[in-house]
PDB file of all heavy atoms in Angstrom:
ATOM      1  N   VAL A   1      22.669  -6.242  -3.011  1.00  0.00           N
ATOM      2  CA  VAL A   1      22.023  -6.398  -1.733  1.00  0.00           C
ATOM      3  C   VAL A   1      20.595  -5.845  -1.764  1.00  0.00           C
ATOM      4  O   VAL A   1      19.664  -6.455  -1.251  1.00  0.00           O
ATOM      5  CB  VAL A   1      22.825  -5.704  -0.705  1.00  0.00           C
ATOM      6  CG1 VAL A   1      22.052  -5.805   0.666  1.00  0.00           C
ATOM      7  CG2 VAL A   1      24.204  -6.437  -0.434  1.00  0.00           C
ATOM      8  N   VAL A   2      20.445  -4.729  -2.503  1.00  0.00           N
ATOM      9  CA  VAL A   2      19.067  -4.170  -2.593  1.00  0.00           C
ATOM     10  C   VAL A   2      18.144  -5.140  -3.380  1.00  0.00           C
ATOM     11  O   VAL A   2      16.951  -5.240  -2.970  1.00  0.00           O
ATOM     12  CB  VAL A   2      19.139  -2.746  -3.302  1.00  0.00           C
ATOM     13  CG1 VAL A   2      17.754  -2.215  -3.607  1.00  0.00           C
ATOM     14  CG2 VAL A   2      19.910  -1.813  -2.444  1.00  0.00           C
ATOM     15  N   GLU A   3      18.667  -5.743  -4.398  1.00  0.00           N
ATOM     16  CA  GLU A   3      17.848  -6.747  -5.134  1.00  0.00           C
ATOM     17  C   GLU A   3      17.439  -7.952  -4.204  1.00  0.00           C
ATOM     18  O   GLU A   3      16.317  -8.439  -4.353  1.00  0.00           O
ATOM     19  CB  GLU A   3      18.582  -7.202  -6.384  1.00  0.00           C
ATOM     20  CG  GLU A   3      18.705  -6.132  -7.453  1.00  0.00           C
ATOM     21  CD  GLU A   3      19.623  -6.610  -8.531  1.00  0.00           C
ATOM     22  OE1 GLU A   3      20.234  -7.751  -8.450  1.00  0.00           O
ATOM     23  OE2 GLU A   3      19.761  -5.923  -9.575  1.00  0.00           O
ATOM     24  N   ALA A   4      18.401  -8.330  -3.364  1.00  0.00           N
ATOM     25  CA  ALA A   4      18.121  -9.425  -2.455  1.00  0.00           C
ATOM     26  C   ALA A   4      17.044  -8.957  -1.376  1.00  0.00           C
ATOM     27  O   ALA A   4      16.119  -9.789  -1.101  1.00  0.00           O
ATOM     28  CB  ALA A   4      19.358  -9.778  -1.675  1.00  0.00           C
ATOM     29  N   TYR A   5      17.060  -7.679  -1.032  1.00  0.00           N
ATOM     30  CA  TYR A   5      16.031  -7.113  -0.148  1.00  0.00           C
ATOM     31  C   TYR A   5      14.690  -7.227  -0.856  1.00  0.00           C
ATOM     32  O   TYR A   5      13.659  -7.641  -0.262  1.00  0.00           O
ATOM     33  CB  TYR A   5      16.318  -5.728   0.199  1.00  0.00           C
ATOM     34  CG  TYR A   5      15.251  -5.015   1.032  1.00  0.00           C
ATOM     35  CD1 TYR A   5      15.166  -5.173   2.368  1.00  0.00           C
ATOM     36  CD2 TYR A   5      14.376  -4.212   0.365  1.00  0.00           C
ATOM     37  CE1 TYR A   5      14.165  -4.557   3.089  1.00  0.00           C
ATOM     38  CE2 TYR A   5      13.390  -3.593   1.082  1.00  0.00           C
ATOM     39  CZ  TYR A   5      13.207  -3.792   2.428  1.00  0.00           C
ATOM     40  OH  TYR A   5      12.197  -3.142   3.089  1.00  0.00           O
ATOM     41  N   LEU A   6      14.581  -6.739  -2.120  1.00  0.00           N
ATOM     42  CA  LEU A   6      13.343  -6.732  -2.806  1.00  0.00           C
ATOM     43  C   LEU A   6      12.719  -8.146  -3.021  1.00  0.00           C
ATOM     44  O   LEU A   6      11.625  -8.379  -2.838  1.00  0.00           O
ATOM     45  CB  LEU A   6      13.525  -6.095  -4.154  1.00  0.00           C
ATOM     46  CG  LEU A   6      13.809  -4.619  -4.163  1.00  0.00           C
ATOM     47  CD1 LEU A   6      14.092  -4.075  -5.575  1.00  0.00           C
ATOM     48  CD2 LEU A   6      12.665  -3.827  -3.486  1.00  0.00           C
ATOM     49  N   SER A   7      13.569  -9.162  -3.259  1.00  0.00           N
ATOM     50  CA  SER A   7      13.193 -10.515  -3.490  1.00  0.00           C
ATOM     51  C   SER A   7      12.700 -11.120  -2.188  1.00  0.00           C
ATOM     52  O   SER A   7      11.823 -12.039  -2.267  1.00  0.00           O
ATOM     53  CB  SER A   7      14.359 -11.384  -4.094  1.00  0.00           C
ATOM     54  OG  SER A   7      15.401 -11.411  -3.091  1.00  0.00           O
ATOM     55  N   SER A   8      13.125 -10.667  -1.052  1.00  0.00           N
ATOM     56  CA  SER A   8      12.700 -11.319   0.197  1.00  0.00           C
ATOM     57  C   SER A   8      11.664 -10.447   0.901  1.00  0.00           C
ATOM     58  O   SER A   8      11.052 -10.946   1.933  1.00  0.00           O
ATOM     59  CB  SER A   8      14.031 -11.459   1.175  1.00  0.00           C
ATOM     60  OG  SER A   8      14.480 -10.168   1.417  1.00  0.00           O
ATOM     61  N   THR A   9      11.379  -9.285   0.424  1.00  0.00           N
ATOM     62  CA  THR A   9      10.403  -8.454   1.100  1.00  0.00           C
ATOM     63  C   THR A   9       9.278  -7.926   0.204  1.00  0.00           C
ATOM     64  O   THR A   9       8.908  -6.876   0.266  1.00  0.00           O
ATOM     65  CB  THR A   9      11.136  -7.289   1.734  1.00  0.00           C
ATOM     66  OG1 THR A   9      11.761  -6.498   0.752  1.00  0.00           O
ATOM     67  CG2 THR A   9      12.064  -7.684   2.850  1.00  0.00           C
ATOM     68  N   LEU A  10       8.852  -8.887  -0.682  1.00  0.00           N
ATOM     69  CA  LEU A  10       7.798  -8.437  -1.690  1.00  0.00           C
ATOM     70  C   LEU A  10       6.511  -8.071  -1.011  1.00  0.00           C
ATOM     71  O   LEU A  10       5.698  -7.242  -1.559  1.00  0.00           O
ATOM     72  CB  LEU A  10       7.594  -9.535  -2.710  1.00  0.00           C
ATOM     73  CG  LEU A  10       8.739  -9.780  -3.628  1.00  0.00           C
ATOM     74  CD1 LEU A  10       8.444 -10.974  -4.590  1.00  0.00           C
ATOM     75  CD2 LEU A  10       9.077  -8.443  -4.510  1.00  0.00           C
ATOM     76  N   LYS A  11       6.192  -8.792   0.157  1.00  0.00           N
ATOM     77  CA  LYS A  11       4.954  -8.537   0.793  1.00  0.00           C
ATOM     78  C   LYS A  11       4.987  -7.496   1.929  1.00  0.00           C
ATOM     79  O   LYS A  11       4.046  -7.269   2.571  1.00  0.00           O
ATOM     80  CB  LYS A  11       4.446  -9.858   1.420  1.00  0.00           C
ATOM     81  CG  LYS A  11       4.148 -10.977   0.338  1.00  0.00           C
ATOM     82  CD  LYS A  11       3.619 -12.169   0.878  1.00  0.00           C
ATOM     83  CE  LYS A  11       3.378 -13.234  -0.155  1.00  0.00           C
ATOM     84  NZ  LYS A  11       2.901 -14.618   0.441  1.00  0.00           N
ATOM     85  N   ASN A  12       6.171  -6.861   2.038  1.00  0.00           N
ATOM     86  CA  ASN A  12       6.310  -5.836   3.041  1.00  0.00           C
ATOM     87  C   ASN A  12       5.450  -4.556   2.745  1.00  0.00           C
ATOM     88  O   ASN A  12       5.283  -4.274   1.597  1.00  0.00           O
ATOM     89  CB  ASN A  12       7.823  -5.431   3.189  1.00  0.00           C
ATOM     90  CG  ASN A  12       8.592  -6.497   3.974  1.00  0.00           C
ATOM     91  OD1 ASN A  12       7.994  -7.329   4.520  1.00  0.00           O
ATOM     92  ND2 ASN A  12       9.849  -6.296   4.050  1.00  0.00           N
ATOM     93  N   PRO A  13       4.956  -3.906   3.747  1.00  0.00           N
ATOM     94  CA  PRO A  13       4.170  -2.711   3.604  1.00  0.00           C
ATOM     95  C   PRO A  13       5.012  -1.598   2.957  1.00  0.00           C
ATOM     96  O   PRO A  13       6.294  -1.630   3.117  1.00  0.00           O
ATOM     97  CB  PRO A  13       3.653  -2.362   5.004  1.00  0.00           C
ATOM     98  CG  PRO A  13       4.597  -3.019   5.871  1.00  0.00           C
ATOM     99  CD  PRO A  13       5.112  -4.221   5.223  1.00  0.00           C
ATOM    100  N   ALA A  14       4.364  -0.671   2.377  1.00  0.00           N
ATOM    101  CA  ALA A  14       5.047   0.412   1.661  1.00  0.00           C
ATOM    102  C   ALA A  14       5.961   1.305   2.662  1.00  0.00           C
ATOM    103  O   ALA A  14       7.029   1.662   2.156  1.00  0.00           O
ATOM    104  CB  ALA A  14       3.996   1.395   1.046  1.00  0.00           C
ATOM    105  N   PRO A  15       5.550   1.554   3.852  1.00  0.00           N
ATOM    106  CA  PRO A  15       6.464   2.433   4.662  1.00  0.00           C
ATOM    107  C   PRO A  15       7.863   1.728   4.820  1.00  0.00           C
ATOM    108  O   PRO A  15       8.881   2.417   4.983  1.00  0.00           O
ATOM    109  CB  PRO A  15       5.705   2.312   6.149  1.00  0.00           C
ATOM    110  CG  PRO A  15       4.301   2.154   5.628  1.00  0.00           C
ATOM    111  CD  PRO A  15       4.259   1.379   4.521  1.00  0.00           C
ATOM    112  N   ARG A  16       7.981   0.445   4.881  1.00  0.00           N
ATOM    113  CA  ARG A  16       9.263  -0.268   4.907  1.00  0.00           C
ATOM    114  C   ARG A  16      10.105   0.019   3.636  1.00  0.00           C
ATOM    115  O   ARG A  16      11.222   0.261   3.676  1.00  0.00           O
ATOM    116  CB  ARG A  16       9.118  -1.719   5.262  1.00  0.00           C
ATOM    117  CG  ARG A  16       8.494  -1.963   6.633  1.00  0.00           C
ATOM    118  CD  ARG A  16       8.341  -3.469   6.907  1.00  0.00           C
ATOM    119  NE  ARG A  16       9.584  -4.196   6.925  1.00  0.00           N
ATOM    120  CZ  ARG A  16       9.774  -5.385   7.156  1.00  0.00           C
ATOM    121  NH1 ARG A  16       8.719  -6.193   7.379  1.00  0.00           N
ATOM    122  NH2 ARG A  16      10.950  -5.946   7.221  1.00  0.00           N
ATOM    123  N   LEU A  17       9.425  -0.058   2.566  1.00  0.00           N
ATOM    124  CA  LEU A  17      10.058   0.240   1.255  1.00  0.00           C
ATOM    125  C   LEU A  17      10.533   1.625   1.224  1.00  0.00           C
ATOM    126  O   LEU A  17      11.622   1.897   0.624  1.00  0.00           O
ATOM    127  CB  LEU A  17       9.157  -0.116   0.106  1.00  0.00           C
ATOM    128  CG  LEU A  17       9.130  -1.507  -0.495  1.00  0.00           C
ATOM    129  CD1 LEU A  17       8.104  -1.639  -1.644  1.00  0.00           C
ATOM    130  CD2 LEU A  17      10.467  -1.870  -1.004  1.00  0.00           C
ATOM    131  N   TYR A  18       9.698   2.497   1.785  1.00  0.00           N
ATOM    132  CA  TYR A  18      10.091   4.020   1.790  1.00  0.00           C
ATOM    133  C   TYR A  18      11.400   4.167   2.528  1.00  0.00           C
ATOM    134  O   TYR A  18      12.312   4.999   2.177  1.00  0.00           O
ATOM    135  CB  TYR A  18       8.942   4.805   2.413  1.00  0.00           C
ATOM    136  CG  TYR A  18       7.758   4.969   1.554  1.00  0.00           C
ATOM    137  CD1 TYR A  18       6.543   5.209   2.183  1.00  0.00           C
ATOM    138  CD2 TYR A  18       7.729   4.586   0.272  1.00  0.00           C
ATOM    139  CE1 TYR A  18       5.340   5.297   1.436  1.00  0.00           C
ATOM    140  CE2 TYR A  18       6.597   4.708  -0.593  1.00  0.00           C
ATOM    141  CZ  TYR A  18       5.343   4.967   0.075  1.00  0.00           C
ATOM    142  OH  TYR A  18       4.173   5.048  -0.678  1.00  0.00           O
ATOM    143  N   VAL A  19      11.611   3.459   3.600  1.00  0.00           N
ATOM    144  CA  VAL A  19      12.838   3.574   4.363  1.00  0.00           C
ATOM    145  C   VAL A  19      14.093   3.145   3.480  1.00  0.00           C
ATOM    146  O   VAL A  19      15.106   3.882   3.588  1.00  0.00           O
ATOM    147  CB  VAL A  19      12.813   2.607   5.597  1.00  0.00           C
ATOM    148  CG1 VAL A  19      14.171   2.577   6.371  1.00  0.00           C
ATOM    149  CG2 VAL A  19      11.700   3.174   6.622  1.00  0.00           C
ATOM    150  N   VAL A  20      13.958   2.000   2.790  1.00  0.00           N
ATOM    151  CA  VAL A  20      15.061   1.606   1.991  1.00  0.00           C
ATOM    152  C   VAL A  20      15.230   2.577   0.803  1.00  0.00           C
ATOM    153  O   VAL A  20      16.308   2.855   0.388  1.00  0.00           O
ATOM    154  CB  VAL A  20      14.845   0.153   1.495  1.00  0.00           C
ATOM    155  CG1 VAL A  20      15.974  -0.289   0.577  1.00  0.00           C
ATOM    156  CG2 VAL A  20      14.767  -0.775   2.716  1.00  0.00           C
ATOM    157  N   GLY A  21      14.142   3.066   0.282  1.00  0.00           N
ATOM    158  CA  GLY A  21      14.117   4.041  -0.854  1.00  0.00           C
ATOM    159  C   GLY A  21      14.963   5.328  -0.416  1.00  0.00           C
ATOM    160  O   GLY A  21      15.770   5.843  -1.168  1.00  0.00           O
ATOM    161  N   ARG A  22      14.679   5.846   0.783  1.00  0.00           N
ATOM    162  CA  ARG A  22      15.300   7.001   1.294  1.00  0.00           C
ATOM    163  C   ARG A  22      16.866   6.709   1.483  1.00  0.00           C
ATOM    164  O   ARG A  22      17.735   7.506   1.290  1.00  0.00           O
ATOM    165  CB  ARG A  22      14.744   7.435   2.606  1.00  0.00           C
ATOM    166  CG  ARG A  22      15.427   8.659   3.101  1.00  0.00           C
ATOM    167  CD  ARG A  22      14.468   9.306   4.244  1.00  0.00           C
ATOM    168  NE  ARG A  22      14.313   8.421   5.349  1.00  0.00           N
ATOM    169  CZ  ARG A  22      13.205   7.803   5.643  1.00  0.00           C
ATOM    170  NH1 ARG A  22      12.115   8.000   4.965  1.00  0.00           N
ATOM    171  NH2 ARG A  22      13.129   6.955   6.704  1.00  0.00           N
ATOM    172  N   LEU A  23      17.143   5.416   1.958  1.00  0.00           N
ATOM    173  CA  LEU A  23      18.508   4.984   2.174  1.00  0.00           C
ATOM    174  C   LEU A  23      19.323   5.018   0.904  1.00  0.00           C
ATOM    175  O   LEU A  23      20.451   5.506   0.799  1.00  0.00           O
ATOM    176  CB  LEU A  23      18.528   3.618   2.823  1.00  0.00           C
ATOM    177  CG  LEU A  23      19.928   2.898   2.918  1.00  0.00           C
ATOM    178  CD1 LEU A  23      20.692   3.626   4.013  1.00  0.00           C
ATOM    179  CD2 LEU A  23      19.744   1.396   3.288  1.00  0.00           C
ATOM    180  N   VAL A  24      18.708   4.325  -0.208  1.00  0.00           N
ATOM    181  CA  VAL A  24      19.443   4.349  -1.470  1.00  0.00           C
ATOM    182  C   VAL A  24      19.584   5.742  -2.043  1.00  0.00           C
ATOM    183  O   VAL A  24      20.673   6.103  -2.647  1.00  0.00           O
ATOM    184  CB  VAL A  24      18.506   3.467  -2.470  1.00  0.00           C
ATOM    185  CG1 VAL A  24      19.047   3.564  -3.854  1.00  0.00           C
ATOM    186  CG2 VAL A  24      18.491   2.077  -2.060  1.00  0.00           C
ATOM    187  N   ASP A  25      18.606   6.613  -1.893  1.00  0.00           N
ATOM    188  CA  ASP A  25      18.837   8.061  -2.395  1.00  0.00           C
ATOM    189  C   ASP A  25      19.873   8.803  -1.700  1.00  0.00           C
ATOM    190  O   ASP A  25      20.663   9.514  -2.228  1.00  0.00           O
ATOM    191  CB  ASP A  25      17.473   8.785  -2.375  1.00  0.00           C
ATOM    192  CG  ASP A  25      16.449   8.259  -3.284  1.00  0.00           C
ATOM    193  OD1 ASP A  25      16.786   7.473  -4.191  1.00  0.00           O
ATOM    194  OD2 ASP A  25      15.241   8.600  -3.112  1.00  0.00           O
ATOM    195  N   GLU A  26      20.021   8.542  -0.329  1.00  0.00           N
ATOM    196  CA  GLU A  26      21.103   9.101   0.444  1.00  0.00           C
ATOM    197  C   GLU A  26      22.442   8.594   0.053  1.00  0.00           C
ATOM    198  O   GLU A  26      23.472   9.313  -0.077  1.00  0.00           O
ATOM    199  CB  GLU A  26      20.880   8.920   1.897  1.00  0.00           C
ATOM    200  CG  GLU A  26      19.704   9.775   2.415  1.00  0.00           C
ATOM    201  CD  GLU A  26      19.373   9.438   3.851  1.00  0.00           C
ATOM    202  OE1 GLU A  26      20.015   8.451   4.393  1.00  0.00           O
ATOM    203  OE2 GLU A  26      18.522  10.056   4.466  1.00  0.00           O
ATOM    204  N   TYR A  27      22.450   7.371  -0.273  1.00  0.00           N
ATOM    205  CA  TYR A  27      23.687   6.727  -0.812  1.00  0.00           C
ATOM    206  C   TYR A  27      24.056   7.248  -2.239  1.00  0.00           C
ATOM    207  O   TYR A  27      25.312   7.570  -2.331  1.00  0.00           O
ATOM    208  CB  TYR A  27      23.509   5.175  -0.940  1.00  0.00           C
ATOM    209  CG  TYR A  27      24.636   4.407  -1.569  1.00  0.00           C
ATOM    210  CD1 TYR A  27      25.747   4.161  -0.899  1.00  0.00           C
ATOM    211  CD2 TYR A  27      24.526   3.937  -2.807  1.00  0.00           C
ATOM    212  CE1 TYR A  27      26.873   3.448  -1.484  1.00  0.00           C
ATOM    213  CE2 TYR A  27      25.554   3.246  -3.419  1.00  0.00           C
ATOM    214  CZ  TYR A  27      26.689   3.042  -2.760  1.00  0.00           C
ATOM    215  OH  TYR A  27      27.740   2.322  -3.429  1.00  0.00           O
ATOM    216  N   LEU A  28      23.100   7.463  -3.030  1.00  0.00           N
ATOM    217  CA  LEU A  28      23.486   8.110  -4.282  1.00  0.00           C
ATOM    218  C   LEU A  28      24.016   9.479  -4.148  1.00  0.00           C
ATOM    219  O   LEU A  28      24.883   9.913  -4.840  1.00  0.00           O
ATOM    220  CB  LEU A  28      22.137   8.202  -5.175  1.00  0.00           C
ATOM    221  CG  LEU A  28      21.757   6.788  -5.876  1.00  0.00           C
ATOM    222  CD1 LEU A  28      20.395   6.961  -6.408  1.00  0.00           C
ATOM    223  CD2 LEU A  28      22.747   6.541  -6.958  1.00  0.00           C
ATOM    224  N   THR A  29      23.437  10.208  -3.146  1.00  0.00           N
ATOM    225  CA  THR A  29      23.998  11.603  -2.879  1.00  0.00           C
ATOM    226  C   THR A  29      25.386  11.555  -2.464  1.00  0.00           C
ATOM    227  O   THR A  29      26.202  12.413  -2.878  1.00  0.00           O
ATOM    228  CB  THR A  29      23.127  12.209  -1.840  1.00  0.00           C
ATOM    229  OG1 THR A  29      21.797  12.253  -2.247  1.00  0.00           O
ATOM    230  CG2 THR A  29      23.591  13.663  -1.608  1.00  0.00           C
ATOM    231  N   MET A  30      25.773  10.508  -1.682  1.00  0.00           N
ATOM    232  CA  MET A  30      27.148  10.418  -1.184  1.00  0.00           C
ATOM    233  C   MET A  30      28.175  10.012  -2.238  1.00  0.00           C
ATOM    234  O   MET A  30      29.354  10.480  -2.222  1.00  0.00           O
ATOM    235  CB  MET A  30      27.259   9.457  -0.003  1.00  0.00           C
ATOM    236  CG  MET A  30      26.397   9.824   1.141  1.00  0.00           C
ATOM    237  SD  MET A  30      26.550   8.729   2.597  1.00  0.00           S
ATOM    238  CE  MET A  30      28.137   9.135   3.173  1.00  0.00           C
ATOM    239  N   ILE A  31      27.751   9.229  -3.283  1.00  0.00           N
ATOM    240  CA  ILE A  31      28.677   8.768  -4.298  1.00  0.00           C
ATOM    241  C   ILE A  31      28.562   9.569  -5.562  1.00  0.00           C
ATOM    242  O   ILE A  31      29.411   9.384  -6.466  1.00  0.00           O
ATOM    243  CB  ILE A  31      28.459   7.320  -4.643  1.00  0.00           C
ATOM    244  CG1 ILE A  31      27.131   7.032  -5.326  1.00  0.00           C
ATOM    245  CG2 ILE A  31      28.506   6.429  -3.330  1.00  0.00           C
ATOM    246  CD1 ILE A  31      26.829   5.762  -5.799  1.00  0.00           C
ATOM    247  N   ALA A  32      27.605  10.563  -5.722  1.00  0.00           N
ATOM    248  CA  ALA A  32      27.437  11.276  -6.871  1.00  0.00           C
ATOM    249  C   ALA A  32      28.619  12.086  -7.369  1.00  0.00           C
ATOM    250  O   ALA A  32      28.885  12.332  -8.558  1.00  0.00           O
ATOM    251  CB  ALA A  32      26.148  12.150  -6.759  1.00  0.00           C
ATOM    252  N   ARG A  33      29.491  12.573  -6.414  1.00  0.00           N
ATOM    253  CA  ARG A  33      30.546  13.394  -6.801  1.00  0.00           C
ATOM    254  C   ARG A  33      31.773  12.630  -7.265  1.00  0.00           C
ATOM    255  O   ARG A  33      32.792  13.173  -7.722  1.00  0.00           O
ATOM    256  CB  ARG A  33      30.941  14.266  -5.544  1.00  0.00           C
ATOM    257  CG  ARG A  33      29.953  15.259  -5.061  1.00  0.00           C
ATOM    258  CD  ARG A  33      30.581  16.129  -4.038  1.00  0.00           C
ATOM    259  NE  ARG A  33      29.639  17.271  -3.620  1.00  0.00           N
ATOM    260  CZ  ARG A  33      28.798  17.116  -2.533  1.00  0.00           C
ATOM    261  NH1 ARG A  33      28.752  15.912  -1.869  1.00  0.00           N
ATOM    262  NH2 ARG A  33      27.975  18.039  -2.258  1.00  0.00           N
ATOM    263  N   ASP A  34      31.670  11.353  -7.288  1.00  0.00           N
ATOM    264  CA  ASP A  34      32.810  10.498  -7.759  1.00  0.00           C
ATOM    265  C   ASP A  34      32.978  10.725  -9.322  1.00  0.00           C
ATOM    266  O   ASP A  34      32.036  10.284 -10.056  1.00  0.00           O
ATOM    267  CB  ASP A  34      32.547   9.052  -7.399  1.00  0.00           C
ATOM    268  CG  ASP A  34      33.702   8.129  -7.812  1.00  0.00           C
ATOM    269  OD1 ASP A  34      34.705   8.691  -8.352  1.00  0.00           O
ATOM    270  OD2 ASP A  34      33.538   6.948  -7.756  1.00  0.00           O
TER     271      ASP A  34
END
């Protein structure tokens, strides 16, 4: 899904990418203990 986001939002401004970047890092934090 993240790859689909990147392919459809290549022209999006950096602040929007930062939001998804923070989301992915928080997701990594939640699954890291597995």
